[in-house]
Structure formats: structure tokens, C-alpha cells
Amino acid sequence: MDTSRFEQFSSLMTGAAKSIAKLKAAQMEAFSLSGAHTSCLCRLYEAGSLTQGELTRAVQMDRSQVSRVLRDLAQKGYVSADAQAGYKRRYTLTPAGEQTAARVEAIILDINRFVSDAIPDADIEVFYKTLTTITQNLQLAVEKYGRETLE
């Protein structure tokens, strides 16, 4: 029973991730942004400014991918960096970046309303709390079991 529940959970999460990726690709095409660009842009919009390390942790991507995304966003005129050297450099959105991020956030909010509008707020709150716990426990499981082979 526990095995089938885990397989069901894995399948549902994979399906959700694929749907989210397809939605991001379709909706962000007009902005010439990928899903990774969108994630970084939205996190910067929420935070105001972040270092590359802070952004890496916030979006849970590897540092090299975040570095490429920041470079791309800077080339598009959406992001600027302060004069700090190295990893302490803070990245912020330019006015064009803020405008684009606000439009992206509106699209995300519209999609969010579409997929969760019929679900009571209390259920949504329990869902996110539960999903957070499952995600944290999976990360602990990776630390505990990820390096060893189970027999």
C-alpha cells in the first residue's frame, strides 16, 4: 500500500511538473523567456534584490544555470548588478524587468486561479503545508539513502 501510494505521488508530481513546464513554455514564449528565466525573474521581483547564491537557493537550480540565466536576463535588459565583485554582487530588476515580471506574475496568478479556484482556501493551506513536509522529508531521505544502495 505504501509503495503504490509513493508511486501514485511520484506519477502525480511528474505529471504536474510536465504541465507546469508546458504552461511556462507556452505563456513565456511571447517574452522570449524559458521556465528558468521565469523562475529567476519572479524571485527577483518578489525579493527586490538577491545575490547569485541566494537566487540559486530560492529557485533550487544549480549555480551555473542561474549564472547563465542572469547573464541572459541582463542581455535582455531585465536585470542589473551592483558594483560588488564576485558572489556578493546583488542583482535587481531594471524598470523593463519589473514591468515584464509584473506581467508574468499576472499570467501566473490567472493560471493559479484557474487550477485552484474550486478548492477551499483551508484545503490549499493544508496541501502546501503537507507538500512542504514531504519535500523536506524527501531531501532528508536523499541525504540518508542517496549515497547507499538499499538491499
Protein backbone atom coordinates (compact mmCIF):
# COMPACT_ATOMS: atom_id res chain seq x y z
CA MET A 1 0.00 0.00 0.00
CA ASP A 2 2.76 2.45 0.91
CA THR A 3 4.64 1.55 -2.27
CA SER A 4 1.62 2.17 -4.50
CA ARG A 5 0.94 5.46 -2.68
CA PHE A 6 4.53 6.57 -3.32
CA GLU A 7 4.25 5.56 -6.99
CA GLN A 8 0.97 7.45 -7.28
CA PHE A 9 2.57 10.50 -5.64
CA SER A 10 5.58 10.26 -7.98
CA SER A 11 3.35 9.99 -11.04
CA LEU A 12 1.17 12.90 -9.96
CA MET A 13 4.20 15.10 -9.25
CA THR A 14 5.78 14.19 -12.59
CA GLY A 15 2.53 14.98 -14.40
CA ALA A 16 2.17 18.28 -12.56
CA ALA A 17 5.79 19.23 -13.31
CA LYS A 18 5.30 18.46 -17.01
CA SER A 19 2.11 20.51 -17.15
CA ILE A 20 3.80 23.42 -15.40
CA ALA A 21 6.74 23.24 -17.83
CA LYS A 22 4.34 23.25 -20.81
CA LEU A 23 2.40 26.21 -19.38
CA LYS A 24 5.60 28.15 -18.74
CA ALA A 25 6.88 27.43 -22.24
CA ALA A 26 3.61 28.42 -23.90
CA GLN A 27 2.97 31.54 -21.84
CA MET A 28 6.55 32.80 -21.69
CA GLU A 29 7.25 32.40 -25.40
CA ALA A 30 5.85 35.90 -26.01
CA PHE A 31 8.54 37.26 -23.66
CA SER A 32 11.32 35.02 -25.09
CA LEU A 33 11.77 33.54 -21.61
CA SER A 34 12.31 29.95 -20.56
CA GLY A 35 10.98 28.40 -17.38
CA ALA A 36 14.33 29.02 -15.69
CA HIS A 37 14.27 32.68 -16.76
CA THR A 38 10.73 33.00 -15.45
CA SER A 39 11.61 31.49 -12.06
CA CYS A 40 14.59 33.80 -11.57
CA LEU A 41 12.72 36.87 -12.80
CA CYS A 42 9.80 36.21 -10.43
CA ARG A 43 12.08 35.57 -7.43
CA LEU A 44 13.93 38.82 -8.06
CA TYR A 45 10.61 40.61 -8.42
CA GLU A 46 9.44 39.26 -5.05
CA ALA A 47 12.72 39.86 -3.22
CA GLY A 48 13.83 43.18 -4.71
CA SER A 49 17.46 42.08 -4.93
CA LEU A 50 19.38 38.85 -4.44
CA THR A 51 22.91 37.57 -4.76
CA GLN A 52 23.52 34.71 -7.15
CA GLY A 53 23.81 32.32 -4.20
CA GLU A 54 20.53 33.50 -2.67
CA LEU A 55 18.81 33.15 -6.04
CA THR A 56 20.30 29.69 -6.56
CA ARG A 57 18.83 28.51 -3.26
CA ALA A 58 15.49 30.24 -3.87
CA VAL A 59 14.88 28.67 -7.28
CA GLN A 60 16.67 25.39 -6.49
CA MET A 61 18.75 25.36 -9.66
CA ASP A 62 22.45 24.77 -9.93
CA ARG A 63 24.76 27.78 -9.73
CA SER A 64 25.95 27.52 -13.34
CA GLN A 65 22.40 27.56 -14.69
CA VAL A 66 21.50 30.58 -12.55
CA SER A 67 24.65 32.31 -13.79
CA ARG A 68 23.60 31.71 -17.42
CA VAL A 69 20.06 32.89 -16.72
CA LEU A 70 21.29 36.08 -15.03
CA ARG A 71 23.58 36.77 -17.99
CA ASP A 72 20.65 36.25 -20.41
CA LEU A 73 18.33 38.46 -18.36
CA ALA A 74 21.00 41.17 -18.25
CA GLN A 75 21.42 40.98 -22.04
CA LYS A 76 17.65 41.37 -22.44
CA GLY A 77 17.82 44.45 -20.22
CA TYR A 78 15.76 42.91 -17.40
CA VAL A 79 18.46 42.62 -14.72
CA SER A 80 21.33 44.76 -13.49
CA ALA A 81 24.03 44.03 -10.94
CA ASP A 82 25.67 46.31 -8.41
CA ALA A 83 29.40 47.03 -8.46
CA GLN A 84 30.25 44.38 -5.83
CA ALA A 85 32.70 41.79 -7.02
CA GLY A 86 32.11 38.06 -7.08
CA TYR A 87 29.39 36.24 -5.22
CA LYS A 88 28.38 39.24 -3.09
CA ARG A 89 27.11 41.05 -6.19
CA ARG A 90 23.41 41.83 -5.85
CA TYR A 91 21.08 41.55 -8.80
CA THR A 92 17.98 43.71 -9.20
CA LEU A 93 15.38 44.15 -11.89
CA THR A 94 15.59 47.10 -14.24
CA PRO A 95 12.39 49.06 -14.94
CA ALA A 96 11.89 46.87 -18.05
CA GLY A 97 12.47 43.78 -15.90
CA GLU A 98 9.95 44.96 -13.30
CA GLN A 99 7.37 45.64 -15.97
CA THR A 100 7.90 42.21 -17.55
CA ALA A 101 7.88 40.48 -14.16
CA ALA A 102 4.60 42.18 -13.25
CA ARG A 103 3.05 40.92 -16.50
CA VAL A 104 4.44 37.42 -15.88
CA GLU A 105 3.11 37.45 -12.31
CA ALA A 106 -0.35 38.41 -13.61
CA ILE A 107 -0.29 35.44 -16.00
CA ILE A 108 0.82 33.12 -13.21
CA LEU A 109 -1.91 34.42 -10.91
CA ASP A 110 -4.52 33.88 -13.62
CA ILE A 111 -3.36 30.28 -14.14
CA ASN A 112 -3.22 29.73 -10.38
CA ARG A 113 -6.82 30.91 -10.03
CA PHE A 114 -7.89 28.62 -12.88
CA VAL A 115 -6.35 25.49 -11.36
CA SER A 116 -7.27 26.09 -7.71
CA ASP A 117 -10.38 28.28 -7.71
CA ALA A 118 -12.77 25.43 -6.79
CA ILE A 119 -10.55 24.29 -3.89
CA PRO A 120 -11.31 25.85 -0.49
CA ASP A 121 -8.54 28.05 0.95
CA ALA A 122 -8.25 25.81 4.02
CA ASP A 123 -7.58 22.78 1.79
CA ILE A 124 -4.97 24.72 -0.18
CA GLU A 125 -3.24 25.69 3.06
CA VAL A 126 -3.14 22.06 4.25
CA PHE A 127 -1.93 20.93 0.84
CA TYR A 128 1.03 23.31 0.80
CA LYS A 129 1.92 22.54 4.40
CA THR A 130 1.83 18.81 3.62
CA LEU A 131 3.76 19.19 0.37
CA THR A 132 6.41 21.24 2.17
CA THR A 133 6.81 18.49 4.77
CA ILE A 134 7.02 15.79 2.08
CA THR A 135 9.62 17.80 0.16
CA GLN A 136 11.73 18.35 3.26
CA ASN A 137 11.48 14.65 4.15
CA LEU A 138 12.49 13.66 0.63
CA GLN A 139 15.55 15.91 0.92
CA LEU A 140 16.43 14.19 4.20
CA ALA A 141 15.93 10.80 2.53
CA VAL A 142 18.36 11.80 -0.22
CA GLU A 143 20.92 12.65 2.45
CA LYS A 144 20.30 9.41 4.28
CA TYR A 145 19.74 6.93 1.44
CA GLY A 146 21.02 8.73 -1.63
CA ARG A 147 24.58 7.53 -1.27
CA GLU A 148 23.93 3.94 -0.31
CA THR A 149 22.31 1.08 -2.17
CA LEU A 150 19.38 -0.50 -0.40
CA GLU A 151 19.18 -4.29 -0.45
